[in-house]
PDB file of all heavy atoms in Angstrom:
ATOM      1  N   HIS A   1       1.204  -3.609 -17.291  1.00  0.00           N
ATOM      2  CA  HIS A   1       2.095  -3.764 -18.406  1.00  0.00           C
ATOM      3  C   HIS A   1       2.259  -5.249 -18.781  1.00  0.00           C
ATOM      4  O   HIS A   1       2.544  -5.604 -19.887  1.00  0.00           O
ATOM      5  CB  HIS A   1       3.463  -3.126 -18.164  1.00  0.00           C
ATOM      6  CG  HIS A   1       3.436  -1.664 -17.987  1.00  0.00           C
ATOM      7  ND1 HIS A   1       3.047  -0.847 -19.053  1.00  0.00           N
ATOM      8  CD2 HIS A   1       3.570  -0.904 -16.914  1.00  0.00           C
ATOM      9  CE1 HIS A   1       3.031   0.444 -18.601  1.00  0.00           C
ATOM     10  NE2 HIS A   1       3.302   0.394 -17.296  1.00  0.00           N
ATOM     11  N   LYS A   2       2.076  -6.117 -17.783  1.00  0.00           N
ATOM     12  CA  LYS A   2       2.210  -7.595 -17.954  1.00  0.00           C
ATOM     13  C   LYS A   2       0.838  -8.265 -17.968  1.00  0.00           C
ATOM     14  O   LYS A   2       0.869  -9.450 -18.036  1.00  0.00           O
ATOM     15  CB  LYS A   2       3.092  -8.199 -16.877  1.00  0.00           C
ATOM     16  CG  LYS A   2       4.480  -7.666 -16.786  1.00  0.00           C
ATOM     17  CD  LYS A   2       5.312  -8.348 -15.718  1.00  0.00           C
ATOM     18  CE  LYS A   2       6.696  -7.914 -15.733  1.00  0.00           C
ATOM     19  NZ  LYS A   2       7.527  -8.560 -14.652  1.00  0.00           N
ATOM     20  N   ASN A   3      -0.245  -7.491 -17.956  1.00  0.00           N
ATOM     21  CA  ASN A   3      -1.624  -8.073 -17.956  1.00  0.00           C
ATOM     22  C   ASN A   3      -1.766  -9.130 -16.900  1.00  0.00           C
ATOM     23  O   ASN A   3      -2.429 -10.192 -17.140  1.00  0.00           O
ATOM     24  CB  ASN A   3      -1.872  -8.768 -19.322  1.00  0.00           C
ATOM     25  CG  ASN A   3      -2.277  -7.687 -20.384  1.00  0.00           C
ATOM     26  OD1 ASN A   3      -1.975  -6.471 -20.190  1.00  0.00           O
ATOM     27  ND2 ASN A   3      -2.890  -8.101 -21.421  1.00  0.00           N
ATOM     28  N   THR A   4      -1.186  -8.841 -15.690  1.00  0.00           N
ATOM     29  CA  THR A   4      -1.204  -9.871 -14.657  1.00  0.00           C
ATOM     30  C   THR A   4      -1.586  -9.319 -13.339  1.00  0.00           C
ATOM     31  O   THR A   4      -1.223  -8.194 -12.962  1.00  0.00           O
ATOM     32  CB  THR A   4       0.239 -10.516 -14.553  1.00  0.00           C
ATOM     33  OG1 THR A   4       0.551 -11.122 -15.812  1.00  0.00           O
ATOM     34  CG2 THR A   4       0.224 -11.562 -13.413  1.00  0.00           C
ATOM     35  N   VAL A   5      -2.359 -10.089 -12.581  1.00  0.00           N
ATOM     36  CA  VAL A   5      -2.776  -9.774 -11.184  1.00  0.00           C
ATOM     37  C   VAL A   5      -2.136 -10.848 -10.359  1.00  0.00           C
ATOM     38  O   VAL A   5      -2.160 -12.018 -10.714  1.00  0.00           O
ATOM     39  CB  VAL A   5      -4.253  -9.730 -11.067  1.00  0.00           C
ATOM     40  CG1 VAL A   5      -4.697  -9.692  -9.598  1.00  0.00           C
ATOM     41  CG2 VAL A   5      -4.852  -8.537 -11.788  1.00  0.00           C
ATOM     42  N   TYR A   6      -1.665 -10.394  -9.134  1.00  0.00           N
ATOM     43  CA  TYR A   6      -1.060 -11.353  -8.208  1.00  0.00           C
ATOM     44  C   TYR A   6      -1.834 -11.437  -6.938  1.00  0.00           C
ATOM     45  O   TYR A   6      -2.433 -10.434  -6.581  1.00  0.00           O
ATOM     46  CB  TYR A   6       0.347 -10.859  -7.885  1.00  0.00           C
ATOM     47  CG  TYR A   6       1.266 -10.691  -9.132  1.00  0.00           C
ATOM     48  CD1 TYR A   6       1.401  -9.434  -9.729  1.00  0.00           C
ATOM     49  CD2 TYR A   6       1.920 -11.773  -9.729  1.00  0.00           C
ATOM     50  CE1 TYR A   6       2.229  -9.272 -10.865  1.00  0.00           C
ATOM     51  CE2 TYR A   6       2.717 -11.632 -10.862  1.00  0.00           C
ATOM     52  CZ  TYR A   6       2.809 -10.364 -11.393  1.00  0.00           C
ATOM     53  OH  TYR A   6       3.616 -10.203 -12.525  1.00  0.00           O
ATOM     54  N   LEU A   7      -1.743 -12.534  -6.271  1.00  0.00           N
ATOM     55  CA  LEU A   7      -2.291 -12.768  -4.923  1.00  0.00           C
ATOM     56  C   LEU A   7      -1.209 -13.355  -4.087  1.00  0.00           C
ATOM     57  O   LEU A   7      -0.899 -14.560  -4.221  1.00  0.00           O
ATOM     58  CB  LEU A   7      -3.518 -13.553  -4.900  1.00  0.00           C
ATOM     59  CG  LEU A   7      -4.250 -13.632  -3.534  1.00  0.00           C
ATOM     60  CD1 LEU A   7      -4.828 -12.297  -3.187  1.00  0.00           C
ATOM     61  CD2 LEU A   7      -5.342 -14.722  -3.544  1.00  0.00           C
ATOM     62  N   GLN A   8      -0.520 -12.517  -3.257  1.00  0.00           N
ATOM     63  CA  GLN A   8       0.471 -13.005  -2.345  1.00  0.00           C
ATOM     64  C   GLN A   8      -0.280 -13.465  -1.046  1.00  0.00           C
ATOM     65  O   GLN A   8      -0.962 -12.727  -0.460  1.00  0.00           O
ATOM     66  CB  GLN A   8       1.411 -11.837  -2.007  1.00  0.00           C
ATOM     67  CG  GLN A   8       2.454 -12.276  -0.971  1.00  0.00           C
ATOM     68  CD  GLN A   8       3.443 -13.283  -1.505  1.00  0.00           C
ATOM     69  OE1 GLN A   8       3.955 -13.239  -2.616  1.00  0.00           O
ATOM     70  NE2 GLN A   8       3.739 -14.308  -0.670  1.00  0.00           N
ATOM     71  N   MET A   9      -0.052 -14.779  -0.758  1.00  0.00           N
ATOM     72  CA  MET A   9      -0.775 -15.379   0.416  1.00  0.00           C
ATOM     73  C   MET A   9       0.263 -15.792   1.393  1.00  0.00           C
ATOM     74  O   MET A   9       1.160 -16.705   1.169  1.00  0.00           O
ATOM     75  CB  MET A   9      -1.595 -16.537  -0.062  1.00  0.00           C
ATOM     76  CG  MET A   9      -2.545 -16.245  -1.217  1.00  0.00           C
ATOM     77  SD  MET A   9      -3.609 -17.611  -1.630  1.00  0.00           S
ATOM     78  CE  MET A   9      -2.387 -18.815  -2.185  1.00  0.00           C
ATOM     79  N   ASN A  10       0.222 -15.166   2.583  1.00  0.00           N
ATOM     80  CA  ASN A  10       1.145 -15.458   3.676  1.00  0.00           C
ATOM     81  C   ASN A  10       0.342 -16.100   4.872  1.00  0.00           C
ATOM     82  O   ASN A  10      -0.841 -15.939   4.896  1.00  0.00           O
ATOM     83  CB  ASN A  10       1.903 -14.142   4.106  1.00  0.00           C
ATOM     84  CG  ASN A  10       2.711 -13.528   3.023  1.00  0.00           C
ATOM     85  OD1 ASN A  10       3.217 -14.292   2.177  1.00  0.00           O
ATOM     86  ND2 ASN A  10       2.878 -12.267   3.024  1.00  0.00           N
ATOM     87  N   SER A  11       1.145 -16.668   5.765  1.00  0.00           N
ATOM     88  CA  SER A  11       0.488 -17.160   6.948  1.00  0.00           C
ATOM     89  C   SER A  11      -0.633 -18.110   6.632  1.00  0.00           C
ATOM     90  O   SER A  11      -1.725 -17.985   7.256  1.00  0.00           O
ATOM     91  CB  SER A  11       0.082 -16.071   7.977  1.00  0.00           C
ATOM     92  OG  SER A  11       1.161 -15.245   8.246  1.00  0.00           O
ATOM     93  N   LEU A  12      -0.491 -19.006   5.661  1.00  0.00           N
ATOM     94  CA  LEU A  12      -1.567 -19.787   5.277  1.00  0.00           C
ATOM     95  C   LEU A  12      -2.060 -20.738   6.312  1.00  0.00           C
ATOM     96  O   LEU A  12      -1.251 -21.262   7.078  1.00  0.00           O
ATOM     97  CB  LEU A  12      -1.145 -20.566   3.994  1.00  0.00           C
ATOM     98  CG  LEU A  12      -1.104 -19.657   2.713  1.00  0.00           C
ATOM     99  CD1 LEU A  12      -0.276 -20.421   1.590  1.00  0.00           C
ATOM    100  CD2 LEU A  12      -2.560 -19.496   2.179  1.00  0.00           C
ATOM    101  N   LYS A  13      -3.337 -20.993   6.219  1.00  0.00           N
ATOM    102  CA  LYS A  13      -3.996 -21.872   7.217  1.00  0.00           C
ATOM    103  C   LYS A  13      -4.708 -23.046   6.423  1.00  0.00           C
ATOM    104  O   LYS A  13      -5.047 -22.894   5.285  1.00  0.00           O
ATOM    105  CB  LYS A  13      -5.066 -21.048   7.974  1.00  0.00           C
ATOM    106  CG  LYS A  13      -4.670 -19.808   8.674  1.00  0.00           C
ATOM    107  CD  LYS A  13      -5.723 -19.017   9.283  1.00  0.00           C
ATOM    108  CE  LYS A  13      -5.236 -17.864   9.974  1.00  0.00           C
ATOM    109  NZ  LYS A  13      -6.389 -17.044  10.566  1.00  0.00           N
ATOM    110  N   PRO A  14      -4.885 -24.162   7.138  1.00  0.00           N
ATOM    111  CA  PRO A  14      -5.580 -25.275   6.485  1.00  0.00           C
ATOM    112  C   PRO A  14      -6.951 -24.896   5.852  1.00  0.00           C
ATOM    113  O   PRO A  14      -7.341 -25.392   4.810  1.00  0.00           O
ATOM    114  CB  PRO A  14      -5.726 -26.306   7.546  1.00  0.00           C
ATOM    115  CG  PRO A  14      -4.576 -26.033   8.510  1.00  0.00           C
ATOM    116  CD  PRO A  14      -4.412 -24.524   8.488  1.00  0.00           C
ATOM    117  N   GLU A  15      -7.625 -23.883   6.546  1.00  0.00           N
ATOM    118  CA  GLU A  15      -8.937 -23.472   6.028  1.00  0.00           C
ATOM    119  C   GLU A  15      -8.846 -22.655   4.729  1.00  0.00           C
ATOM    120  O   GLU A  15      -9.876 -22.321   4.156  1.00  0.00           O
ATOM    121  CB  GLU A  15      -9.710 -22.712   7.084  1.00  0.00           C
ATOM    122  CG  GLU A  15      -8.948 -21.637   7.750  1.00  0.00           C
ATOM    123  CD  GLU A  15      -8.298 -22.024   9.060  1.00  0.00           C
ATOM    124  OE1 GLU A  15      -7.712 -23.159   9.146  1.00  0.00           O
ATOM    125  OE2 GLU A  15      -8.436 -21.226  10.025  1.00  0.00           O
ATOM    126  N   ASP A  16      -7.624 -22.328   4.285  1.00  0.00           N
ATOM    127  CA  ASP A  16      -7.443 -21.617   3.029  1.00  0.00           C
ATOM    128  C   ASP A  16      -7.391 -22.632   1.853  1.00  0.00           C
ATOM    129  O   ASP A  16      -7.357 -22.200   0.721  1.00  0.00           O
ATOM    130  CB  ASP A  16      -6.076 -20.833   3.017  1.00  0.00           C
ATOM    131  CG  ASP A  16      -6.151 -19.671   4.006  1.00  0.00           C
ATOM    132  OD1 ASP A  16      -7.197 -18.991   4.059  1.00  0.00           O
ATOM    133  OD2 ASP A  16      -5.067 -19.461   4.673  1.00  0.00           O
ATOM    134  N   THR A  17      -7.416 -23.903   2.146  1.00  0.00           N
ATOM    135  CA  THR A  17      -7.377 -24.946   1.103  1.00  0.00           C
ATOM    136  C   THR A  17      -8.632 -24.806   0.216  1.00  0.00           C
ATOM    137  O   THR A  17      -9.751 -24.806   0.735  1.00  0.00           O
ATOM    138  CB  THR A  17      -7.357 -26.315   1.728  1.00  0.00           C
ATOM    139  OG1 THR A  17      -6.097 -26.437   2.400  1.00  0.00           O
ATOM    140  CG2 THR A  17      -7.406 -27.406   0.659  1.00  0.00           C
ATOM    141  N   ALA A  18      -8.348 -24.704  -1.056  1.00  0.00           N
ATOM    142  CA  ALA A  18      -9.480 -24.546  -2.006  1.00  0.00           C
ATOM    143  C   ALA A  18      -8.913 -24.422  -3.466  1.00  0.00           C
ATOM    144  O   ALA A  18      -7.648 -24.300  -3.590  1.00  0.00           O
ATOM    145  CB  ALA A  18     -10.276 -23.224  -1.793  1.00  0.00           C
ATOM    146  N   VAL A  19      -9.811 -24.436  -4.408  1.00  0.00           N
ATOM    147  CA  VAL A  19      -9.410 -24.000  -5.765  1.00  0.00           C
ATOM    148  C   VAL A  19      -9.575 -22.581  -5.866  1.00  0.00           C
ATOM    149  O   VAL A  19     -10.672 -22.057  -5.543  1.00  0.00           O
ATOM    150  CB  VAL A  19     -10.222 -24.773  -6.846  1.00  0.00           C
ATOM    151  CG1 VAL A  19      -9.826 -24.284  -8.207  1.00  0.00           C
ATOM    152  CG2 VAL A  19     -10.035 -26.290  -6.736  1.00  0.00           C
ATOM    153  N   TYR A  20      -8.569 -21.872  -6.270  1.00  0.00           N
ATOM    154  CA  TYR A  20      -8.635 -20.438  -6.406  1.00  0.00           C
ATOM    155  C   TYR A  20      -8.756 -20.031  -7.828  1.00  0.00           C
ATOM    156  O   TYR A  20      -8.136 -20.461  -8.783  1.00  0.00           O
ATOM    157  CB  TYR A  20      -7.328 -19.774  -5.835  1.00  0.00           C
ATOM    158  CG  TYR A  20      -7.264 -19.761  -4.321  1.00  0.00           C
ATOM    159  CD1 TYR A  20      -7.145 -20.998  -3.600  1.00  0.00           C
ATOM    160  CD2 TYR A  20      -7.288 -18.596  -3.620  1.00  0.00           C
ATOM    161  CE1 TYR A  20      -7.116 -20.966  -2.280  1.00  0.00           C
ATOM    162  CE2 TYR A  20      -7.303 -18.565  -2.279  1.00  0.00           C
ATOM    163  CZ  TYR A  20      -7.230 -19.737  -1.559  1.00  0.00           C
ATOM    164  OH  TYR A  20      -7.208 -19.779  -0.185  1.00  0.00           O
ATOM    165  N   TYR A  21      -9.716 -19.130  -8.068  1.00  0.00           N
ATOM    166  CA  TYR A  21     -10.019 -18.656  -9.418  1.00  0.00           C
ATOM    167  C   TYR A  21      -9.841 -17.142  -9.500  1.00  0.00           C
ATOM    168  O   TYR A  21     -10.196 -16.363  -8.603  1.00  0.00           O
ATOM    169  CB  TYR A  21     -11.523 -18.894  -9.737  1.00  0.00           C
ATOM    170  CG  TYR A  21     -11.944 -20.375  -9.806  1.00  0.00           C
ATOM    171  CD1 TYR A  21     -12.386 -20.983  -8.543  1.00  0.00           C
ATOM    172  CD2 TYR A  21     -11.826 -21.153 -10.961  1.00  0.00           C
ATOM    173  CE1 TYR A  21     -12.742 -22.289  -8.535  1.00  0.00           C
ATOM    174  CE2 TYR A  21     -12.269 -22.456 -10.907  1.00  0.00           C
ATOM    175  CZ  TYR A  21     -12.664 -23.013  -9.702  1.00  0.00           C
ATOM    176  OH  TYR A  21     -13.104 -24.356  -9.708  1.00  0.00           O
ATOM    177  N   CYS A  22      -9.331 -16.665 -10.633  1.00  0.00           N
ATOM    178  CA  CYS A  22      -9.391 -15.245 -10.915  1.00  0.00           C
ATOM    179  C   CYS A  22     -10.494 -15.020 -11.940  1.00  0.00           C
ATOM    180  O   CYS A  22     -10.888 -15.819 -12.690  1.00  0.00           O
ATOM    181  CB  CYS A  22      -8.023 -14.660 -11.332  1.00  0.00           C
ATOM    182  SG  CYS A  22      -7.490 -15.246 -12.981  1.00  0.00           S
ATOM    183  N   ALA A  23     -11.034 -13.744 -11.853  1.00  0.00           N
ATOM    184  CA  ALA A  23     -12.128 -13.342 -12.732  1.00  0.00           C
ATOM    185  C   ALA A  23     -12.009 -11.901 -13.065  1.00  0.00           C
ATOM    186  O   ALA A  23     -11.426 -11.145 -12.335  1.00  0.00           O
ATOM    187  CB  ALA A  23     -13.432 -13.622 -12.082  1.00  0.00           C
ATOM    188  N   GLU A  24     -12.522 -11.502 -14.220  1.00  0.00           N
ATOM    189  CA  GLU A  24     -12.390 -10.152 -14.646  1.00  0.00           C
ATOM    190  C   GLU A  24     -13.812  -9.623 -14.986  1.00  0.00           C
ATOM    191  O   GLU A  24     -14.757 -10.329 -15.425  1.00  0.00           O
ATOM    192  CB  GLU A  24     -11.648 -10.036 -16.015  1.00  0.00           C
ATOM    193  CG  GLU A  24     -10.130 -10.088 -15.788  1.00  0.00           C
ATOM    194  CD  GLU A  24      -9.392  -9.819 -17.048  1.00  0.00           C
ATOM    195  OE1 GLU A  24     -10.016  -9.848 -18.159  1.00  0.00           O
ATOM    196  OE2 GLU A  24      -8.176  -9.551 -17.062  1.00  0.00           O
ATOM    197  N   ARG A  25     -13.971  -8.344 -14.841  1.00  0.00           N
ATOM    198  CA  ARG A  25     -15.200  -7.681 -15.265  1.00  0.00           C
ATOM    199  C   ARG A  25     -14.882  -6.289 -15.837  1.00  0.00           C
ATOM    200  O   ARG A  25     -14.025  -5.612 -15.236  1.00  0.00           O
ATOM    201  CB  ARG A  25     -16.264  -7.524 -14.146  1.00  0.00           C
ATOM    202  CG  ARG A  25     -15.813  -6.815 -12.925  1.00  0.00           C
ATOM    203  CD  ARG A  25     -16.716  -6.873 -11.792  1.00  0.00           C
ATOM    204  NE  ARG A  25     -18.015  -6.240 -12.088  1.00  0.00           N
ATOM    205  CZ  ARG A  25     -18.303  -5.052 -11.677  1.00  0.00           C
ATOM    206  NH1 ARG A  25     -17.431  -4.316 -11.026  1.00  0.00           N
ATOM    207  NH2 ARG A  25     -19.468  -4.461 -11.895  1.00  0.00           N
ATOM    208  N   ILE A  26     -15.393  -5.923 -16.949  1.00  0.00           N
ATOM    209  CA  ILE A  26     -15.121  -4.593 -17.573  1.00  0.00           C
ATOM    210  C   ILE A  26     -15.830  -3.567 -16.800  1.00  0.00           C
ATOM    211  O   ILE A  26     -16.923  -3.667 -16.360  1.00  0.00           O
ATOM    212  CB  ILE A  26     -15.449  -4.569 -19.081  1.00  0.00           C
ATOM    213  CG1 ILE A  26     -14.863  -3.322 -19.690  1.00  0.00           C
ATOM    214  CG2 ILE A  26     -16.946  -4.710 -19.289  1.00  0.00           C
ATOM    215  CD1 ILE A  26     -14.899  -3.409 -21.187  1.00  0.00           C
ATOM    216  N   VAL A  27     -15.134  -2.486 -16.442  1.00  0.00           N
ATOM    217  CA  VAL A  27     -15.686  -1.421 -15.617  1.00  0.00           C
ATOM    218  C   VAL A  27     -15.336  -0.027 -16.242  1.00  0.00           C
ATOM    219  O   VAL A  27     -14.414   0.100 -16.950  1.00  0.00           O
ATOM    220  CB  VAL A  27     -15.187  -1.484 -14.195  1.00  0.00           C
ATOM    221  CG1 VAL A  27     -15.643  -2.669 -13.504  1.00  0.00           C
ATOM    222  CG2 VAL A  27     -13.615  -1.384 -14.075  1.00  0.00           C
ATOM    223  N   ASP A  28     -16.120   0.923 -15.864  1.00  0.00           N
ATOM    224  CA  ASP A  28     -15.908   2.296 -16.411  1.00  0.00           C
ATOM    225  C   ASP A  28     -15.114   3.158 -15.413  1.00  0.00           C
ATOM    226  O   ASP A  28     -14.773   4.343 -15.841  1.00  0.00           O
ATOM    227  CB  ASP A  28     -17.194   3.002 -16.754  1.00  0.00           C
ATOM    228  CG  ASP A  28     -18.175   2.948 -15.508  1.00  0.00           C
ATOM    229  OD1 ASP A  28     -17.812   2.522 -14.373  1.00  0.00           O
ATOM    230  OD2 ASP A  28     -19.353   3.413 -15.717  1.00  0.00           O
ATOM    231  N   SER A  29     -14.774   2.680 -14.219  1.00  0.00           N
ATOM    232  CA  SER A  29     -14.025   3.505 -13.319  1.00  0.00           C
ATOM    233  C   SER A  29     -13.464   2.636 -12.204  1.00  0.00           C
ATOM    234  O   SER A  29     -13.786   1.483 -12.069  1.00  0.00           O
ATOM    235  CB  SER A  29     -14.903   4.574 -12.636  1.00  0.00           C
ATOM    236  OG  SER A  29     -15.701   3.976 -11.627  1.00  0.00           O
ATOM    237  N   ASP A  30     -12.508   3.197 -11.478  1.00  0.00           N
ATOM    238  CA  ASP A  30     -11.906   2.487 -10.356  1.00  0.00           C
ATOM    239  C   ASP A  30     -12.891   2.317  -9.159  1.00  0.00           C
ATOM    240  O   ASP A  30     -12.631   1.508  -8.314  1.00  0.00           O
ATOM    241  CB  ASP A  30     -10.683   3.240  -9.850  1.00  0.00           C
ATOM    242  CG  ASP A  30      -9.450   2.923 -10.658  1.00  0.00           C
ATOM    243  OD1 ASP A  30      -9.142   1.705 -10.766  1.00  0.00           O
ATOM    244  OD2 ASP A  30      -8.800   3.828 -11.057  1.00  0.00           O
ATOM    245  N   TYR A  31     -14.017   3.046  -9.164  1.00  0.00           N
ATOM    246  CA  TYR A  31     -14.980   3.006  -8.076  1.00  0.00           C
ATOM    247  C   TYR A  31     -16.053   1.883  -8.384  1.00  0.00           C
ATOM    248  O   TYR A  31     -16.895   1.624  -7.490  1.00  0.00           O
ATOM    249  CB  TYR A  31     -15.628   4.268  -7.913  1.00  0.00           C
ATOM    250  CG  TYR A  31     -14.546   5.339  -7.640  1.00  0.00           C
ATOM    251  CD1 TYR A  31     -14.140   6.256  -8.639  1.00  0.00           C
ATOM    252  CD2 TYR A  31     -13.918   5.422  -6.389  1.00  0.00           C
ATOM    253  CE1 TYR A  31     -13.225   7.209  -8.396  1.00  0.00           C
ATOM    254  CE2 TYR A  31     -12.990   6.361  -6.163  1.00  0.00           C
ATOM    255  CZ  TYR A  31     -12.585   7.306  -7.126  1.00  0.00           C
ATOM    256  OH  TYR A  31     -11.564   8.201  -6.944  1.00  0.00           O
ATOM    257  N   ASN A  32     -16.014   1.259  -9.464  1.00  0.00           N
ATOM    258  CA  ASN A  32     -16.967   0.253  -9.835  1.00  0.00           C
ATOM    259  C   ASN A  32     -16.389  -1.115  -9.456  1.00  0.00           C
ATOM    260  O   ASN A  32     -15.610  -1.674 -10.211  1.00  0.00           O
ATOM    261  CB  ASN A  32     -17.286   0.258 -11.338  1.00  0.00           C
ATOM    262  CG  ASN A  32     -18.384  -0.605 -11.760  1.00  0.00           C
ATOM    263  OD1 ASN A  32     -18.777  -1.526 -11.029  1.00  0.00           O
ATOM    264  ND2 ASN A  32     -18.896  -0.392 -12.925  1.00  0.00           N
ATOM    265  N   VAL A  33     -16.802  -1.565  -8.280  1.00  0.00           N
ATOM    266  CA  VAL A  33     -16.245  -2.840  -7.727  1.00  0.00           C
ATOM    267  C   VAL A  33     -17.411  -3.784  -7.385  1.00  0.00           C
ATOM    268  O   VAL A  33     -18.499  -3.300  -7.123  1.00  0.00           O
ATOM    269  CB  VAL A  33     -15.335  -2.578  -6.521  1.00  0.00           C
ATOM    270  CG1 VAL A  33     -14.141  -1.789  -6.874  1.00  0.00           C
ATOM    271  CG2 VAL A  33     -16.091  -1.920  -5.356  1.00  0.00           C
ATOM    272  N   ALA A  34     -17.049  -4.990  -7.330  1.00  0.00           N
ATOM    273  CA  ALA A  34     -18.127  -5.969  -7.043  1.00  0.00           C
ATOM    274  C   ALA A  34     -17.513  -7.183  -6.395  1.00  0.00           C
ATOM    275  O   ALA A  34     -16.444  -7.660  -6.813  1.00  0.00           O
ATOM    276  CB  ALA A  34     -18.876  -6.418  -8.241  1.00  0.00           C
ATOM    277  N   LYS A  35     -18.161  -7.767  -5.376  1.00  0.00           N
ATOM    278  CA  LYS A  35     -17.630  -8.959  -4.652  1.00  0.00           C
ATOM    279  C   LYS A  35     -18.471 -10.208  -4.958  1.00  0.00           C
ATOM    280  O   LYS A  35     -18.083 -11.281  -4.515  1.00  0.00           O
ATOM    281  CB  LYS A  35     -17.722  -8.664  -3.122  1.00  0.00           C
ATOM    282  CG  LYS A  35     -16.859  -7.465  -2.718  1.00  0.00           C
ATOM    283  CD  LYS A  35     -16.850  -7.320  -1.188  1.00  0.00           C
ATOM    284  CE  LYS A  35     -15.992  -6.120  -0.727  1.00  0.00           C
ATOM    285  NZ  LYS A  35     -16.106  -5.877   0.672  1.00  0.00           N
ATOM    286  N   SER A  36     -19.519 -10.082  -5.752  1.00  0.00           N
ATOM    287  CA  SER A  36     -20.262 -11.220  -6.091  1.00  0.00           C
ATOM    288  C   SER A  36     -19.751 -11.901  -7.343  1.00  0.00           C
ATOM    289  O   SER A  36     -19.490 -11.155  -8.294  1.00  0.00           O
ATOM    290  CB  SER A  36     -21.725 -10.856  -6.397  1.00  0.00           C
ATOM    291  OG  SER A  36     -22.403 -11.961  -6.977  1.00  0.00           O
ATOM    292  N   PRO A  37     -19.554 -13.180  -7.343  1.00  0.00           N
ATOM    293  CA  PRO A  37     -19.015 -13.829  -8.510  1.00  0.00           C
ATOM    294  C   PRO A  37     -19.951 -13.670  -9.702  1.00  0.00           C
ATOM    295  O   PRO A  37     -19.506 -13.685 -10.845  1.00  0.00           O
ATOM    296  CB  PRO A  37     -18.912 -15.345  -8.108  1.00  0.00           C
ATOM    297  CG  PRO A  37     -19.650 -15.409  -6.881  1.00  0.00           C
ATOM    298  CD  PRO A  37     -19.673 -14.117  -6.225  1.00  0.00           C
ATOM    299  N   ASP A  38     -21.208 -13.439  -9.445  1.00  0.00           N
ATOM    300  CA  ASP A  38     -22.192 -13.269 -10.595  1.00  0.00           C
ATOM    301  C   ASP A  38     -21.893 -12.002 -11.411  1.00  0.00           C
ATOM    302  O   ASP A  38     -22.390 -11.926 -12.491  1.00  0.00           O
ATOM    303  CB  ASP A  38     -23.606 -13.121 -10.038  1.00  0.00           C
ATOM    304  CG  ASP A  38     -24.079 -14.469  -9.361  1.00  0.00           C
ATOM    305  OD1 ASP A  38     -23.460 -15.488  -9.719  1.00  0.00           O
ATOM    306  OD2 ASP A  38     -24.950 -14.451  -8.525  1.00  0.00           O
ATOM    307  N   GLU A  39     -21.173 -11.086 -10.799  1.00  0.00           N
ATOM    308  CA  GLU A  39     -20.861  -9.802 -11.567  1.00  0.00           C
ATOM    309  C   GLU A  39     -19.649  -9.894 -12.484  1.00  0.00           C
ATOM    310  O   GLU A  39     -19.396  -8.986 -13.218  1.00  0.00           O
ATOM    311  CB  GLU A  39     -20.520  -8.702 -10.518  1.00  0.00           C
ATOM    312  CG  GLU A  39     -21.714  -8.448  -9.479  1.00  0.00           C
ATOM    313  CD  GLU A  39     -22.875  -7.713 -10.225  1.00  0.00           C
ATOM    314  OE1 GLU A  39     -22.594  -7.050 -11.204  1.00  0.00           O
ATOM    315  OE2 GLU A  39     -24.003  -7.806  -9.711  1.00  0.00           O
ATOM    316  N   TYR A  40     -18.966 -11.002 -12.481  1.00  0.00           N
ATOM    317  CA  TYR A  40     -17.776 -11.199 -13.324  1.00  0.00           C
ATOM    318  C   TYR A  40     -18.092 -11.904 -14.623  1.00  0.00           C
ATOM    319  O   TYR A  40     -18.886 -12.814 -14.678  1.00  0.00           O
ATOM    320  CB  TYR A  40     -16.751 -11.932 -12.529  1.00  0.00           C
ATOM    321  CG  TYR A  40     -16.082 -11.046 -11.477  1.00  0.00           C
ATOM    322  CD1 TYR A  40     -16.817 -10.762 -10.266  1.00  0.00           C
ATOM    323  CD2 TYR A  40     -14.918 -10.330 -11.610  1.00  0.00           C
ATOM    324  CE1 TYR A  40     -16.311  -9.834  -9.313  1.00  0.00           C
ATOM    325  CE2 TYR A  40     -14.350  -9.534 -10.712  1.00  0.00           C
ATOM    326  CZ  TYR A  40     -15.130  -9.298  -9.508  1.00  0.00           C
ATOM    327  OH  TYR A  40     -14.634  -8.426  -8.529  1.00  0.00           O
ATOM    328  N   ASP A  41     -17.385 -11.418 -15.657  1.00  0.00           N
ATOM    329  CA  ASP A  41     -17.637 -11.847 -16.994  1.00  0.00           C
ATOM    330  C   ASP A  41     -16.763 -12.982 -17.464  1.00  0.00           C
ATOM    331  O   ASP A  41     -17.201 -13.883 -18.225  1.00  0.00           O
ATOM    332  CB  ASP A  41     -17.430 -10.744 -17.960  1.00  0.00           C
ATOM    333  CG  ASP A  41     -18.349  -9.494 -17.667  1.00  0.00           C
ATOM    334  OD1 ASP A  41     -19.544  -9.739 -17.457  1.00  0.00           O
ATOM    335  OD2 ASP A  41     -17.771  -8.382 -17.503  1.00  0.00           O
TER     336      ASP A  41
END
C-alpha cells in the first residue's frame, strides 16, 4: 500500500559496511525469484 520494501538490520557487524541498493524486477508469480543482480530491471 505504501510501495515500500524494508530491510531491518540487527546485530550489525563491521563486515556489513557497504552501499546498499534495492532493485526491482517484474514477475508473473511469487515463485519467480532471482538472486543475481543481472536479473533486476
